[in-house]
C-alpha atoms as a PDB file:
ATOM      1  CA  MET A   1      18.129  29.566  89.027  1.00  0.00           C
ATOM      2  CA  CYS A   2      16.648  26.037  89.380  1.00  0.00           C
ATOM      3  CA  LEU A   3      14.579  26.498  86.202  1.00  0.00           C
ATOM      4  CA  SER A   4      17.563  27.696  84.286  1.00  0.00           C
ATOM      5  CA  THR A   5      19.714  24.736  85.373  1.00  0.00           C
ATOM      6  CA  ALA A   6      16.928  22.298  84.423  1.00  0.00           C
ATOM      7  CA  ASN A   7      16.734  23.893  80.964  1.00  0.00           C
ATOM      8  CA  ILE A   8      20.478  23.554  80.446  1.00  0.00           C
ATOM      9  CA  TYR A   9      20.263  19.767  81.264  1.00  0.00           C
ATOM     10  CA  SER A  10      17.361  19.434  78.917  1.00  0.00           C
ATOM     11  CA  GLN A  11      19.247  21.117  76.065  1.00  0.00           C
ATOM     12  CA  THR A  12      22.279  18.889  76.743  1.00  0.00           C
ATOM     13  CA  GLU A  13      20.163  15.753  76.811  1.00  0.00           C
ATOM     14  CA  SER A  14      18.447  16.698  73.504  1.00  0.00           C
ATOM     15  CA  LYS A  15      21.897  17.345  71.948  1.00  0.00           C
ATOM     16  CA  TYR A  16      23.060  13.849  72.881  1.00  0.00           C
ATOM     17  CA  ILE A  17      19.789  12.295  71.670  1.00  0.00           C
ATOM     18  CA  ARG A  18      20.048  14.094  68.353  1.00  0.00           C
ATOM     19  CA  GLU A  19      23.647  12.862  67.898  1.00  0.00           C
ATOM     20  CA  GLY A  20      22.584   9.365  68.862  1.00  0.00           C
ATOM     21  CA  ASN A  21      19.735   9.464  66.409  1.00  0.00           C
ATOM     22  CA  SER A  22      22.132  10.486  63.649  1.00  0.00           C
ATOM     23  CA  PHE A  23      24.421   7.519  64.383  1.00  0.00           C
ATOM     24  CA  TYR A  24      21.440   5.178  64.682  1.00  0.00           C
ATOM     25  CA  LYS A  25      20.189   6.265  61.244  1.00  0.00           C
ATOM     26  CA  ASP A  26      23.658   5.500  59.845  1.00  0.00           C
ATOM     27  CA  LEU A  27      23.463   2.082  61.465  1.00  0.00           C
ATOM     28  CA  GLN A  28      26.372   2.909  63.753  1.00  0.00           C
ATOM     29  CA  PHE A  29      24.557   1.491  66.702  1.00  0.00           C
ATOM     30  CA  ASP A  30      27.610   1.284  69.037  1.00  0.00           C
ATOM     31  CA  LYS A  31      28.217   5.062  68.635  1.00  0.00           C
ATOM     32  CA  ALA A  32      24.534   5.709  69.062  1.00  0.00           C
ATOM     33  CA  GLU A  33      24.660   3.787  72.379  1.00  0.00           C
ATOM     34  CA  VAL A  34      27.429   6.098  73.659  1.00  0.00           C
ATOM     35  CA  GLU A  35      25.439   9.203  72.866  1.00  0.00           C
ATOM     36  CA  TYR A  36      22.180   7.855  74.340  1.00  0.00           C
ATOM     37  CA  GLN A  37      24.042   6.763  77.452  1.00  0.00           C
ATOM     38  CA  LYS A  38      25.345  10.341  77.842  1.00  0.00           C
ATOM     39  CA  ALA A  39      21.800  11.631  77.616  1.00  0.00           C
ATOM     40  CA  VAL A  40      20.692   9.134  80.223  1.00  0.00           C
ATOM     41  CA  ASN A  41      23.538  10.341  82.483  1.00  0.00           C
ATOM     42  CA  GLU A  42      22.373  13.864  82.090  1.00  0.00           C
ATOM     43  CA  VAL A  43      18.633  13.180  82.689  1.00  0.00           C
ATOM     44  CA  PRO A  44      18.166   9.730  84.166  1.00  0.00           C
ATOM     45  CA  SER A  45      14.390  10.178  83.998  1.00  0.00           C
ATOM     46  CA  SER A  46      14.332  10.804  80.254  1.00  0.00           C
ATOM     47  CA  TYR A  47      12.108   8.210  78.609  1.00  0.00           C
ATOM     48  CA  ASP A  48      13.396   8.932  75.119  1.00  0.00           C
ATOM     49  CA  ALA A  49      17.049   8.681  76.129  1.00  0.00           C
ATOM     50  CA  SER A  50      16.575   5.305  77.918  1.00  0.00           C
ATOM     51  CA  PHE A  51      14.251   3.898  75.286  1.00  0.00           C
ATOM     52  CA  ASN A  52      16.694   4.814  72.481  1.00  0.00           C
ATOM     53  CA  LEU A  53      19.565   3.340  74.516  1.00  0.00           C
ATOM     54  CA  GLY A  54      17.663   0.058  74.771  1.00  0.00           C
ATOM     55  CA  SER A  55      16.996   0.088  71.019  1.00  0.00           C
ATOM     56  CA  SER A  56      20.620   0.643  70.185  1.00  0.00           C
ATOM     57  CA  LEU A  57      21.684  -2.199  72.481  1.00  0.00           C
ATOM     58  CA  TYR A  58      19.092  -4.452  70.870  1.00  0.00           C
ATOM     59  CA  LYS A  59      20.376  -3.621  67.305  1.00  0.00           C
ATOM     60  CA  GLN A  60      23.913  -4.676  68.427  1.00  0.00           C
ATOM     61  CA  GLY A  61      22.596  -7.980  69.651  1.00  0.00           C
ATOM     62  CA  LYS A  62      23.091  -7.101  73.320  1.00  0.00           C
ATOM     63  CA  PHE A  63      19.656  -8.473  74.081  1.00  0.00           C
ATOM     64  CA  ASP A  64      20.275  -9.059  77.839  1.00  0.00           C
ATOM     65  CA  LYS A  65      21.345  -5.463  78.358  1.00  0.00           C
ATOM     66  CA  ALA A  66      18.465  -4.145  76.187  1.00  0.00           C
ATOM     67  CA  LYS A  67      15.970  -6.207  78.271  1.00  0.00           C
ATOM     68  CA  GLU A  68      17.425  -4.698  81.457  1.00  0.00           C
ATOM     69  CA  VAL A  69      17.009  -1.181  80.091  1.00  0.00           C
ATOM     70  CA  PHE A  70      13.450  -1.686  78.933  1.00  0.00           C
ATOM     71  CA  ALA A  71      12.458  -3.509  82.145  1.00  0.00           C
ATOM     72  CA  ASN A  72      13.875  -0.748  84.388  1.00  0.00           C
ATOM     73  CA  LEU A  73      12.222   1.935  82.219  1.00  0.00           C
ATOM     74  CA  ALA A  74       8.819   0.271  82.684  1.00  0.00           C
ATOM     75  CA  LYS A  75       9.119   0.521  86.417  1.00  0.00           C
ATOM     76  CA  SER A  76       9.160   4.288  86.246  1.00  0.00           C
ATOM     77  CA  GLN A  77       6.368   4.763  83.762  1.00  0.00           C
ATOM     78  CA  THR A  78       2.692   5.528  84.358  1.00  0.00           C
ATOM     79  CA  GLU A  79       1.478   6.212  80.802  1.00  0.00           C
ATOM     80  CA  THR A  80      -0.127   3.148  79.333  1.00  0.00           C
ATOM     81  CA  SER A  81       1.238   3.629  75.875  1.00  0.00           C
ATOM     82  CA  LYS A  82       4.833   3.802  77.240  1.00  0.00           C
ATOM     83  CA  LEU A  83       4.310   0.753  79.506  1.00  0.00           C
ATOM     84  CA  ALA A  84       3.016  -1.174  76.528  1.00  0.00           C
ATOM     85  CA  GLU A  85       6.095  -0.191  74.493  1.00  0.00           C
ATOM     86  CA  CYS A  86       8.505  -1.157  77.228  1.00  0.00           C
ATOM     87  CA  TYR A  87       6.985  -4.608  77.893  1.00  0.00           C
ATOM     88  CA  TYR A  88       6.743  -5.190  74.094  1.00  0.00           C
ATOM     89  CA  ASN A  89      10.451  -4.657  73.708  1.00  0.00           C
ATOM     90  CA  CYS A  90      11.203  -6.776  76.773  1.00  0.00           C
ATOM     91  CA  GLY A  91       9.394  -9.586  74.979  1.00  0.00           C
ATOM     92  CA  ASN A  92      11.388  -9.074  71.769  1.00  0.00           C
ATOM     93  CA  SER A  93      14.613  -9.173  73.733  1.00  0.00           C
ATOM     94  CA  ASP A  94      13.593 -12.357  75.607  1.00  0.00           C
ATOM     95  CA  LEU A  95      12.605 -14.040  72.299  1.00  0.00           C
ATOM     96  CA  GLU A  96      16.052 -13.307  70.908  1.00  0.00           C
ATOM     97  CA  LEU A  97      17.726 -14.669  74.049  1.00  0.00           C
ATOM     98  CA  SER A  98      15.568 -17.780  73.835  1.00  0.00           C
ATOM     99  CA  GLY A  99      16.654 -18.279  70.220  1.00  0.00           C
ATOM    100  CA  ALA A 100      20.294 -17.741  71.082  1.00  0.00           C
ATOM    101  CA  ALA A 101      20.122 -20.315  73.933  1.00  0.00           C
ATOM    102  CA  ALA A 102      18.407 -22.887  71.610  1.00  0.00           C
ATOM    103  CA  GLN A 103      21.219 -22.413  69.108  1.00  0.00           C
ATOM    104  CA  GLN A 104      23.667 -23.270  71.873  1.00  0.00           C
ATOM    105  CA  SER A 105      21.652 -26.371  72.889  1.00  0.00           C
ATOM    106  CA  LYS A 106      20.722 -24.793  76.229  1.00  0.00           C
ATOM    107  CA  ARG A 107      17.192 -26.070  76.401  1.00  0.00           C
ATOM    108  CA  ASP A 108      16.305 -25.022  79.944  1.00  0.00           C
ATOM    109  CA  GLU A 109      17.587 -21.522  79.323  1.00  0.00           C
ATOM    110  CA  ALA A 110      15.737 -21.282  76.003  1.00  0.00           C
ATOM    111  CA  ILE A 111      12.506 -22.349  77.718  1.00  0.00           C
ATOM    112  CA  LYS A 112      13.040 -19.820  80.512  1.00  0.00           C
ATOM    113  CA  PHE A 113      13.408 -16.922  78.174  1.00  0.00           C
ATOM    114  CA  ALA A 114      10.484 -18.055  76.064  1.00  0.00           C
ATOM    115  CA  GLN A 115       8.327 -18.141  79.176  1.00  0.00           C
ATOM    116  CA  GLN A 116       9.478 -14.655  80.053  1.00  0.00           C
ATOM    117  CA  ALA A 117       8.677 -13.433  76.530  1.00  0.00           C
ATOM    118  CA  VAL A 118       5.039 -14.774  76.879  1.00  0.00           C
ATOM    119  CA  GLN A 119       4.726 -12.890  80.172  1.00  0.00           C
ATOM    120  CA  ASP A 120       6.191  -9.736  78.693  1.00  0.00           C
ATOM    121  CA  TYR A 121       3.757  -9.699  75.868  1.00  0.00           C
ATOM    122  CA  LYS A 122       0.846 -10.393  78.250  1.00  0.00           C
ATOM    123  CA  ASN A 123       2.053  -7.397  80.309  1.00  0.00           C
ATOM    124  CA  SER A 124       2.123  -5.245  77.195  1.00  0.00           C
ATOM    125  CA  LEU A 125      -1.396  -6.342  76.235  1.00  0.00           C
ATOM    126  CA  LYS A 126      -2.639  -5.097  79.562  1.00  0.00           C
ATOM    127  CA  TYR A 127      -1.894  -1.626  78.399  1.00  0.00           C
ATOM    128  CA  ASP A 128      -2.635  -1.951  74.666  1.00  0.00           C
ATOM    129  CA  CYS A 129      -4.930  -4.925  74.169  1.00  0.00           C
ATOM    130  CA  TYR A 130      -5.712  -4.109  70.588  1.00  0.00           C
ATOM    131  CA  ASN A 131      -2.139  -4.094  69.338  1.00  0.00           C
ATOM    132  CA  HIS A 132      -1.988  -6.744  66.608  1.00  0.00           C
ATOM    133  CA  LYS A 133       1.813  -6.917  66.603  1.00  0.00           C
ATOM    134  CA  THR A 134       1.866  -7.688  70.317  1.00  0.00           C
ATOM    135  CA  LYS A 135      -0.824 -10.286  69.962  1.00  0.00           C
ATOM    136  CA  TYR A 136       1.016 -11.847  67.019  1.00  0.00           C
ATOM    137  CA  ASN A 137       4.268 -12.093  68.896  1.00  0.00           C
ATOM    138  CA  TYR A 138       2.456 -13.300  72.065  1.00  0.00           C
ATOM    139  CA  LEU A 139       0.991 -16.250  70.111  1.00  0.00           C
ATOM    140  CA  TYR A 140       4.343 -16.820  68.418  1.00  0.00           C
ATOM    141  CA  ALA A 141       6.128 -16.880  71.762  1.00  0.00           C
ATOM    142  CA  LYS A 142       3.562 -19.482  73.024  1.00  0.00           C
ATOM    143  CA  HIS A 143       4.125 -21.528  69.865  1.00  0.00           C
ATOM    144  CA  LEU A 144       7.867 -21.365  70.385  1.00  0.00           C
ATOM    145  CA  LEU A 145       7.556 -22.426  73.978  1.00  0.00           C
ATOM    146  CA  GLU A 146       5.417 -25.412  73.022  1.00  0.00           C
ATOM    147  CA  ALA A 147       8.006 -26.402  70.410  1.00  0.00           C
ATOM    148  CA  LEU A 148      10.780 -26.231  72.949  1.00  0.00           C
ATOM    149  CA  ASN A 149       8.796 -28.396  75.323  1.00  0.00           C
ATOM    150  CA  ASN A 150       8.260 -31.005  72.561  1.00  0.00           C
ATOM    151  CA  ASP A 151      10.959 -33.577  72.836  1.00  0.00           C
ATOM    152  CA  LYS A 152      10.927 -34.592  69.160  1.00  0.00           C
ATOM    153  CA  ASN A 153      11.086 -31.000  67.892  1.00  0.00           C
ATOM    154  CA  TRP A 154      13.940 -30.340  70.311  1.00  0.00           C
ATOM    155  CA  GLN A 155      15.901 -33.321  69.175  1.00  0.00           C
ATOM    156  CA  ASP A 156      15.423 -32.282  65.543  1.00  0.00           C
ATOM    157  CA  GLN A 157      16.700 -28.818  66.426  1.00  0.00           C
ATOM    158  CA  GLN A 158      19.579 -30.255  68.378  1.00  0.00           C
ATOM    159  CA  GLN A 159      20.602 -32.260  65.329  1.00  0.00           C
ATOM    160  CA  GLN A 160      20.397 -29.234  63.131  1.00  0.00           C
ATOM    161  CA  ASN A 161      22.431 -27.192  65.558  1.00  0.00           C
ATOM    162  CA  GLN A 162      25.098 -29.893  65.746  1.00  0.00           C
ATOM    163  CA  GLN A 163      25.296 -30.028  61.926  1.00  0.00           C
ATOM    164  CA  GLN A 164      25.741 -26.248  61.829  1.00  0.00           C
ATOM    165  CA  GLN A 165      28.432 -26.408  64.418  1.00  0.00           C
ATOM    166  CA  ASN A 166      30.256 -29.124  62.584  1.00  0.00           C
ATOM    167  CA  GLN A 167      30.080 -27.173  59.307  1.00  0.00           C
ATOM    168  CA  ASN A 168      31.408 -24.094  61.041  1.00  0.00           C
ATOM    169  CA  LYS A 169      34.186 -26.113  62.609  1.00  0.00           C
ATOM    170  CA  ASP A 170      35.188 -27.600  59.244  1.00  0.00           C
ATOM    171  CA  GLN A 171      35.167 -24.204  57.658  1.00  0.00           C
ATOM    172  CA  ASN A 172      37.378 -22.748  60.501  1.00  0.00           C
ATOM    173  CA  ASN A 173      39.820 -25.670  60.268  1.00  0.00           C
ATOM    174  CA  GLN A 174      40.494 -25.187  56.573  1.00  0.00           C
ATOM    175  CA  GLY A 175      43.339 -22.836  57.421  1.00  0.00           C
ATOM    176  CA  ASN A 176      42.758 -20.650  54.362  1.00  0.00           C
ATOM    177  CA  GLY A 177      43.051 -17.447  56.434  1.00  0.00           C
ATOM    178  CA  ASP A 178      39.688 -16.139  55.171  1.00  0.00           C
ATOM    179  CA  GLN A 179      38.380 -13.534  57.534  1.00  0.00           C
ATOM    180  CA  ASP A 180      34.838 -12.796  58.696  1.00  0.00           C
ATOM    181  CA  GLN A 181      34.993  -9.228  59.994  1.00  0.00           C
ATOM    182  CA  ASP A 182      31.291  -8.902  60.733  1.00  0.00           C
ATOM    183  CA  LYS A 183      31.121 -12.296  62.328  1.00  0.00           C
ATOM    184  CA  ASP A 184      28.015 -13.370  60.449  1.00  0.00           C
ATOM    185  CA  GLY A 185      29.492 -16.771  59.278  1.00  0.00           C
ATOM    186  CA  ILE A 186      29.940 -15.587  55.696  1.00  0.00           C
ATOM    187  CA  PRO A 187      33.538 -15.270  54.638  1.00  0.00           C
ATOM    188  CA  ASP A 188      34.619 -11.762  53.676  1.00  0.00           C
ATOM    189  CA  SER A 189      35.766 -13.097  50.298  1.00  0.00           C
ATOM    190  CA  VAL A 190      32.189 -14.129  49.551  1.00  0.00           C
ATOM    191  CA  GLU A 191      30.631 -10.861  50.747  1.00  0.00           C
ATOM    192  CA  LYS A 192      33.100  -8.647  48.918  1.00  0.00           C
ATOM    193  CA  GLY A 193      32.064  -9.963  45.540  1.00  0.00           C
ATOM    194  CA  ASN A 194      34.122 -10.093  42.379  1.00  0.00           C
ATOM    195  CA  GLY A 195      34.064  -6.378  41.583  1.00  0.00           C
ATOM    196  CA  ALA A 196      36.866  -3.865  42.056  1.00  0.00           C
ATOM    197  CA  GLN A 197      35.026  -2.344  44.984  1.00  0.00           C
ATOM    198  CA  PRO A 198      33.535  -4.423  47.847  1.00  0.00           C
ATOM    199  CA  LYS A 199      29.857  -4.856  47.452  1.00  0.00           C
ATOM    200  CA  ASP A 200      27.476  -2.645  49.467  1.00  0.00           C
ATOM    201  CA  THR A 201      24.015  -4.077  48.866  1.00  0.00           C
ATOM    202  CA  ASP A 202      21.987  -1.522  50.763  1.00  0.00           C
ATOM    203  CA  GLY A 203      24.169   1.431  49.807  1.00  0.00           C
ATOM    204  CA  ASP A 204      24.610   2.621  53.376  1.00  0.00           C
ATOM    205  CA  GLY A 205      28.325   3.137  52.969  1.00  0.00           C
ATOM    206  CA  ILE A 206      29.148   0.038  54.930  1.00  0.00           C
ATOM    207  CA  PRO A 207      30.437  -2.812  52.705  1.00  0.00           C
ATOM    208  CA  ASP A 208      28.685  -6.149  53.105  1.00  0.00           C
ATOM    209  CA  TYR A 209      31.691  -7.766  54.657  1.00  0.00           C
ATOM    210  CA  LYS A 210      31.481  -5.280  57.502  1.00  0.00           C
ATOM    211  CA  ASP A 211      27.628  -5.082  57.636  1.00  0.00           C
ATOM    212  CA  GLN A 212      25.673  -7.539  59.706  1.00  0.00           C
ATOM    213  CA  ASP A 213      22.503  -6.768  57.762  1.00  0.00           C
ATOM    214  CA  SER A 214      23.669  -6.254  54.203  1.00  0.00           C
ATOM    215  CA  ASP A 215      20.264  -5.711  52.578  1.00  0.00           C
ATOM    216  CA  ASN A 216      18.889  -3.706  55.595  1.00  0.00           C
ATOM    217  CA  ASP A 217      15.708  -5.793  55.829  1.00  0.00           C
ATOM    218  CA  GLY A 218      15.962  -6.168  59.626  1.00  0.00           C
ATOM    219  CA  ILE A 219      17.122  -9.777  59.375  1.00  0.00           C
ATOM    220  CA  SER A 220      20.784 -10.393  60.178  1.00  0.00           C
ATOM    221  CA  ASP A 221      23.052 -11.910  57.513  1.00  0.00           C
ATOM    222  CA  LYS A 222      23.828 -14.680  59.927  1.00  0.00           C
ATOM    223  CA  GLN A 223      20.170 -15.744  59.960  1.00  0.00           C
ATOM    224  CA  GLU A 224      19.782 -15.476  56.198  1.00  0.00           C
ATOM    225  CA  ALA A 225      23.035 -17.263  55.316  1.00  0.00           C
ATOM    226  CA  GLY A 226      21.475 -20.718  55.970  1.00  0.00           C
ATOM    227  CA  ASP A 227      23.269 -23.937  57.056  1.00  0.00           C
ATOM    228  CA  ASN A 228      26.334 -23.350  54.844  1.00  0.00           C
ATOM    229  CA  PRO A 229      27.427 -19.685  55.159  1.00  0.00           C
ATOM    230  CA  LYS A 230      30.288 -20.316  52.727  1.00  0.00           C
ATOM    231  CA  ASN A 231      27.616 -20.941  50.096  1.00  0.00           C
ATOM    232  CA  PRO A 232      24.822 -18.587  51.345  1.00  0.00           C
ATOM    233  CA  LYS A 233      21.207 -19.683  50.931  1.00  0.00           C
ATOM    234  CA  ASP A 234      19.327 -18.457  47.822  1.00  0.00           C
ATOM    235  CA  THR A 235      15.661 -19.392  48.470  1.00  0.00           C
ATOM    236  CA  ASP A 236      14.130 -18.309  45.178  1.00  0.00           C
ATOM    237  CA  GLY A 237      17.122 -19.344  43.057  1.00  0.00           C
ATOM    238  CA  ASP A 238      17.512 -16.007  41.383  1.00  0.00           C
ATOM    239  CA  GLY A 239      21.273 -15.876  41.818  1.00  0.00           C
ATOM    240  CA  ILE A 240      20.951 -13.352  44.691  1.00  0.00           C
ATOM    241  CA  PRO A 241      21.606 -14.897  48.116  1.00  0.00           C
ATOM    242  CA  ASP A 242      18.948 -14.243  50.753  1.00  0.00           C
ATOM    243  CA  TYR A 243      21.241 -11.890  52.816  1.00  0.00           C
ATOM    244  CA  GLN A 244      21.405  -9.595  49.752  1.00  0.00           C
ATOM    245  CA  ASP A 245      17.825 -10.120  48.640  1.00  0.00           C
ATOM    246  CA  THR A 246      15.002  -8.063  50.131  1.00  0.00           C
ATOM    247  CA  ASP A 247      12.403 -10.510  48.905  1.00  0.00           C
ATOM    248  CA  SER A 248      14.212 -13.794  49.207  1.00  0.00           C
ATOM    249  CA  ASP A 249      11.268 -16.042  48.413  1.00  0.00           C
ATOM    250  CA  ASN A 250      10.019 -13.753  45.512  1.00  0.00           C
ATOM    251  CA  ASP A 251       6.471 -13.704  46.814  1.00  0.00           C
ATOM    252  CA  GLY A 252       6.031  -9.993  46.415  1.00  0.00           C
ATOM    253  CA  ILE A 253       6.201  -9.394  50.161  1.00  0.00           C
ATOM    254  CA  PRO A 254       9.451  -7.809  51.468  1.00  0.00           C
ATOM    255  CA  ASP A 255      11.360  -9.997  53.898  1.00  0.00           C
ATOM    256  CA  SER A 256      11.153  -7.108  56.401  1.00  0.00           C
ATOM    257  CA  ASP A 257       7.374  -7.453  56.530  1.00  0.00           C
ATOM    258  CA  GLU A 258       7.495 -11.234  56.893  1.00  0.00           C
ATOM    259  CA  TYR A 259      10.129 -11.184  59.556  1.00  0.00           C
ATOM    260  CA  ARG A 260       9.057 -11.631  63.116  1.00  0.00           C
ATOM    261  CA  GLN A 261      11.577 -11.459  65.999  1.00  0.00           C
ATOM    262  CA  GLY A 262      14.432 -13.374  64.440  1.00  0.00           C
ATOM    263  CA  ASN A 263      12.183 -16.152  63.019  1.00  0.00           C
ATOM    264  CA  GLN A 264      10.316 -16.488  59.717  1.00  0.00           C
ATOM    265  CA  ILE A 265       7.199 -18.582  59.291  1.00  0.00           C
ATOM    266  CA  SER A 266       5.280 -19.457  56.234  1.00  0.00           C
ATOM    267  CA  ARG A 267       2.402 -17.325  54.901  1.00  0.00           C
ATOM    268  CA  ASP A 268      -0.007 -20.173  55.658  1.00  0.00           C
ATOM    269  CA  ASP A 269       1.117 -20.296  59.271  1.00  0.00           C
ATOM    270  CA  ALA A 270       0.854 -16.540  59.514  1.00  0.00           C
ATOM    271  CA  GLU A 271      -2.723 -16.628  58.298  1.00  0.00           C
ATOM    272  CA  LEU A 272      -3.619 -19.346  60.782  1.00  0.00           C
ATOM    273  CA  ILE A 273      -2.087 -17.303  63.636  1.00  0.00           C
ATOM    274  CA  LEU A 274      -3.872 -14.138  62.533  1.00  0.00           C
ATOM    275  CA  ASN A 275      -7.174 -15.997  62.305  1.00  0.00           C
ATOM    276  CA  ALA A 276      -6.549 -17.367  65.812  1.00  0.00           C
ATOM    277  CA  ILE A 277      -5.888 -13.814  67.011  1.00  0.00           C
ATOM    278  CA  ASN A 278      -9.260 -12.671  65.646  1.00  0.00           C
ATOM    279  CA  LYS A 279     -11.197 -15.632  67.087  1.00  0.00           C
ATOM    280  CA  ALA A 280      -9.508 -15.274  70.478  1.00  0.00           C
ATOM    281  CA  ASP A 281      -9.875 -11.522  70.739  1.00  0.00           C
ATOM    282  CA  ALA A 282     -12.862 -11.564  73.103  1.00  0.00           C
ATOM    283  CA  GLU A 283     -11.297 -14.189  75.275  1.00  0.00           C
ATOM    284  CA  THR A 284      -7.999 -12.339  75.422  1.00  0.00           C
ATOM    285  CA  LEU A 285      -9.740  -9.162  76.378  1.00  0.00           C
ATOM    286  CA  GLN A 286     -11.608 -10.820  79.239  1.00  0.00           C
ATOM    287  CA  LYS A 287      -8.383 -12.338  80.600  1.00  0.00           C
ATOM    288  CA  VAL A 288      -6.626  -8.988  80.368  1.00  0.00           C
ATOM    289  CA  LYS A 289      -9.468  -7.387  82.329  1.00  0.00           C
ATOM    290  CA  GLU A 290      -9.131  -9.975  85.015  1.00  0.00           C
ATOM    291  CA  GLU A 291      -5.407  -9.665  85.297  1.00  0.00           C
ATOM    292  CA  ASN A 292      -5.585  -5.924  85.206  1.00  0.00           C
ATOM    293  CA  SER A 293      -8.005  -5.878  88.116  1.00  0.00           C
ATOM    294  CA  LYS A 294      -5.335  -7.618  90.157  1.00  0.00           C
ATOM    295  CA  SER A 295      -2.489  -5.304  89.111  1.00  0.00           C
ATOM    296  CA  LYS A 296      -0.935  -2.957  91.625  1.00  0.00           C
ATOM    297  CA  ILE A 297      -0.457  -0.332  88.922  1.00  0.00           C
ATOM    298  CA  LYS A 298      -3.369   2.017  88.663  1.00  0.00           C
ATOM    299  CA  HIS A 299      -4.369   3.611  85.391  1.00  0.00           C
ATOM    300  CA  ASP A 300      -7.449   4.839  83.566  1.00  0.00           C
ATOM    301  CA  LYS A 301      -7.352   2.574  80.522  1.00  0.00           C
ATOM    302  CA  GLN A 302     -10.804   2.419  78.871  1.00  0.00           C
ATOM    303  CA  TRP A 303     -11.423  -1.142  77.682  1.00  0.00           C
END
């Protein structure tokens, strides 16, 4: 009887996960969250249900809740690959929270989250020390933390943020009644285009004025719009604004490949970071070994 009951729960959990996956694929992350939460309620120990729940929260910009899910999930795991995944996504969430705090001129809070992101990536590297994405993000988080601690850089960022706020305020005070249903800063009238039907850049069935990532490149329209969302940024000057252009700088590399945790860096900077990764690999490995020897979590990772 116990085995039969467990099987029923497993089937119900799988059903909710499948439904959640379907919504997730259609970019309906709020509905996916509901289904994944049902799966978690059925089987609280389900790694897939909790991990997907965290991912759906992250996609909605609920980074604090996503971090909580991934952090709690890590506490119950023993497999090194799953621990690495959980801490990696904790780091991603903390990076987003740091960026959001910086945009709101909350320097101390931005620094706190950046510090947490660095630690998250270090924890992830304990269990997968050869993962280049994690090492890249770890170095990027350290770079961000240094920038936040640099007074001049912070003052420049403060000034940019204030200019952005003033522009948004001016736009909101125009009283033209123009809506922004997806809250990306770009007026609906701009995103709809001039055609008879509202523009749907990525063809996902969600028109751009309701889609927070119109070109589905993993970078939100709000980020790609630039300093003046009413006149969205067009980096390569091809007449297609960045939020609708999957290769906004026309360098042959999709924006999705160049994007790292809500921030874009130049190709030169990326090469420098990657070179630093290769040079520091041995040192990083030694530090990971030392930290791992102090860890309370026991595992059989072969270094």
